[in-house]
Amino acid sequence: MHQLERASDCLRTLSHPIRLRIVQLLIRDRFSVGELATECGIQNHMASEHLRLMQRAGLLVSRRSGRKIFYSLAKPDLIQLMECIERCMGDQHE
C-alpha cells in the first residue's frame, strides 16, 4: 500500500496544468525560474511556488549556476509518464 500512496502523492502534485507544462519543458532541458515563468505565461513567484511543490515531492532537482538556479527532472521515469498522458489525452475531443 505504501507504493500506492507514493504514486498518489506524485499524481496529486502533477495534477495542475502548469506543473504538467513544467515537466514537458524540463524533459527538453534545464530551465531557470524566470525561463519557466515566461514559457508558462505566469509570474516568477507563481513558478517558484510550483517548483517548490514539485521539488518537495522529489520530482525535481536544482543546481545553482552563478546567480541563477536551474531545475531539471529528478526522475527520468516522468518522461514515460508524460508520454502516456499525452497519448491518452491525444484521443480526447475538446
C-alpha atoms as a PDB file:
ATOM      1  CA  MET A   1       0.000   0.000   0.000  1.00  0.00           C
ATOM      2  CA  HIS A   2       2.933   2.355   0.673  1.00  0.00           C
ATOM      3  CA  GLN A   3       3.865   2.328  -3.016  1.00  0.00           C
ATOM      4  CA  LEU A   4       0.302   3.274  -3.991  1.00  0.00           C
ATOM      5  CA  GLU A   5       0.345   6.150  -1.510  1.00  0.00           C
ATOM      6  CA  ARG A   6       3.575   7.471  -3.040  1.00  0.00           C
ATOM      7  CA  ALA A   7       2.087   7.141  -6.527  1.00  0.00           C
ATOM      8  CA  SER A   8      -0.995   9.015  -5.353  1.00  0.00           C
ATOM      9  CA  ASP A   9       1.166  11.802  -3.889  1.00  0.00           C
ATOM     10  CA  CYS A  10       3.108  12.080  -7.148  1.00  0.00           C
ATOM     11  CA  LEU A  11      -0.046  12.269  -9.251  1.00  0.00           C
ATOM     12  CA  ARG A  12      -1.590  14.799  -6.865  1.00  0.00           C
ATOM     13  CA  THR A  13       1.483  17.010  -7.239  1.00  0.00           C
ATOM     14  CA  LEU A  14       1.313  16.743 -11.034  1.00  0.00           C
ATOM     15  CA  SER A  15      -2.430  17.395 -11.166  1.00  0.00           C
ATOM     16  CA  HIS A  16      -2.107  21.020 -12.246  1.00  0.00           C
ATOM     17  CA  PRO A  17      -1.771  22.164 -15.880  1.00  0.00           C
ATOM     18  CA  ILE A  18       1.179  24.449 -15.096  1.00  0.00           C
ATOM     19  CA  ARG A  19       3.079  21.664 -13.355  1.00  0.00           C
ATOM     20  CA  LEU A  20       2.433  19.326 -16.277  1.00  0.00           C
ATOM     21  CA  ARG A  21       3.735  22.037 -18.614  1.00  0.00           C
ATOM     22  CA  ILE A  22       6.835  22.415 -16.434  1.00  0.00           C
ATOM     23  CA  VAL A  23       7.508  18.684 -16.769  1.00  0.00           C
ATOM     24  CA  GLN A  24       7.069  18.935 -20.558  1.00  0.00           C
ATOM     25  CA  LEU A  25       9.633  21.731 -20.651  1.00  0.00           C
ATOM     26  CA  LEU A  26      12.099  20.019 -18.328  1.00  0.00           C
ATOM     27  CA  ILE A  27      12.029  16.910 -20.491  1.00  0.00           C
ATOM     28  CA  ARG A  28      13.759  19.033 -23.147  1.00  0.00           C
ATOM     29  CA  ASP A  29      16.317  20.855 -20.999  1.00  0.00           C
ATOM     30  CA  ARG A  30      17.020  22.510 -17.659  1.00  0.00           C
ATOM     31  CA  PHE A  31      15.384  25.877 -17.007  1.00  0.00           C
ATOM     32  CA  SER A  32      15.621  28.725 -14.510  1.00  0.00           C
ATOM     33  CA  VAL A  33      12.593  30.046 -12.637  1.00  0.00           C
ATOM     34  CA  GLY A  34      12.357  33.063 -14.940  1.00  0.00           C
ATOM     35  CA  GLU A  35      12.585  30.951 -18.082  1.00  0.00           C
ATOM     36  CA  LEU A  36       9.883  28.588 -16.848  1.00  0.00           C
ATOM     37  CA  ALA A  37       7.663  31.500 -15.837  1.00  0.00           C
ATOM     38  CA  THR A  38       7.999  33.012 -19.316  1.00  0.00           C
ATOM     39  CA  GLU A  39       7.346  29.696 -21.067  1.00  0.00           C
ATOM     40  CA  CYS A  40       4.284  29.045 -18.889  1.00  0.00           C
ATOM     41  CA  GLY A  41       2.948  32.597 -19.079  1.00  0.00           C
ATOM     42  CA  ILE A  42       2.962  33.113 -15.312  1.00  0.00           C
ATOM     43  CA  GLN A  43       4.767  35.388 -12.859  1.00  0.00           C
ATOM     44  CA  ASN A  44       8.077  34.319 -11.321  1.00  0.00           C
ATOM     45  CA  HIS A  45       6.640  33.930  -7.817  1.00  0.00           C
ATOM     46  CA  MET A  46       3.985  31.527  -9.120  1.00  0.00           C
ATOM     47  CA  ALA A  47       6.606  29.492 -10.984  1.00  0.00           C
ATOM     48  CA  SER A  48       8.675  29.376  -7.787  1.00  0.00           C
ATOM     49  CA  GLU A  49       5.717  28.012  -5.832  1.00  0.00           C
ATOM     50  CA  HIS A  50       5.040  25.269  -8.398  1.00  0.00           C
ATOM     51  CA  LEU A  51       8.742  24.371  -8.450  1.00  0.00           C
ATOM     52  CA  ARG A  52       8.877  24.276  -4.650  1.00  0.00           C
ATOM     53  CA  LEU A  53       5.976  21.819  -4.506  1.00  0.00           C
ATOM     54  CA  MET A  54       7.473  19.650  -7.220  1.00  0.00           C
ATOM     55  CA  GLN A  55      10.917  19.659  -5.634  1.00  0.00           C
ATOM     56  CA  ARG A  56       9.472  18.820  -2.213  1.00  0.00           C
ATOM     57  CA  ALA A  57       7.718  15.833  -3.830  1.00  0.00           C
ATOM     58  CA  GLY A  58      11.078  14.657  -5.171  1.00  0.00           C
ATOM     59  CA  LEU A  59      10.204  15.272  -8.820  1.00  0.00           C
ATOM     60  CA  LEU A  60      12.822  17.963  -9.463  1.00  0.00           C
ATOM     61  CA  VAL A  61      16.406  18.767  -8.598  1.00  0.00           C
ATOM     62  CA  SER A  62      18.010  22.190  -8.662  1.00  0.00           C
ATOM     63  CA  ARG A  63      21.530  23.364  -9.335  1.00  0.00           C
ATOM     64  CA  ARG A  64      22.955  26.838  -8.895  1.00  0.00           C
ATOM     65  CA  SER A  65      24.932  28.323 -11.760  1.00  0.00           C
ATOM     66  CA  GLY A  66      26.169  31.804 -10.953  1.00  0.00           C
ATOM     67  CA  ARG A  67      23.208  33.830  -9.750  1.00  0.00           C
ATOM     68  CA  LYS A  68      20.564  31.535 -11.243  1.00  0.00           C
ATOM     69  CA  ILE A  69      19.106  28.261 -10.073  1.00  0.00           C
ATOM     70  CA  PHE A  70      18.315  25.760 -12.797  1.00  0.00           C
ATOM     71  CA  TYR A  71      15.770  22.981 -12.426  1.00  0.00           C
ATOM     72  CA  SER A  72      15.721  19.564 -14.040  1.00  0.00           C
ATOM     73  CA  LEU A  73      13.809  16.327 -13.622  1.00  0.00           C
ATOM     74  CA  ALA A  74      14.893  14.150 -10.718  1.00  0.00           C
ATOM     75  CA  LYS A  75      13.087  11.117 -12.089  1.00  0.00           C
ATOM     76  CA  PRO A  76      13.638  10.143 -15.730  1.00  0.00           C
ATOM     77  CA  ASP A  77      10.504   7.981 -15.467  1.00  0.00           C
ATOM     78  CA  LEU A  78       8.479  11.200 -15.678  1.00  0.00           C
ATOM     79  CA  ILE A  79       9.269  11.181 -19.397  1.00  0.00           C
ATOM     80  CA  GLN A  80       7.366   7.928 -19.891  1.00  0.00           C
ATOM     81  CA  LEU A  81       4.557   9.130 -17.642  1.00  0.00           C
ATOM     82  CA  MET A  82       4.143  12.306 -19.721  1.00  0.00           C
ATOM     83  CA  GLU A  83       4.234  10.299 -22.955  1.00  0.00           C
ATOM     84  CA  CYS A  84       1.463   8.070 -21.588  1.00  0.00           C
ATOM     85  CA  ILE A  85      -0.642  11.071 -20.525  1.00  0.00           C
ATOM     86  CA  GLU A  86      -0.163  12.761 -23.893  1.00  0.00           C
ATOM     87  CA  ARG A  87      -1.102   9.556 -25.761  1.00  0.00           C
ATOM     88  CA  CYS A  88      -4.224   9.045 -23.663  1.00  0.00           C
ATOM     89  CA  MET A  89      -5.319  12.674 -23.932  1.00  0.00           C
ATOM     90  CA  GLY A  90      -4.492  12.841 -27.632  1.00  0.00           C
ATOM     91  CA  ASP A  91      -7.585  10.753 -28.328  1.00  0.00           C
ATOM     92  CA  GLN A  92      -9.872  13.151 -26.437  1.00  0.00           C
ATOM     93  CA  HIS A  93     -12.094  15.596 -28.288  1.00  0.00           C
ATOM     94  CA  GLU A  94     -12.294  19.085 -26.801  1.00  0.00           C
END
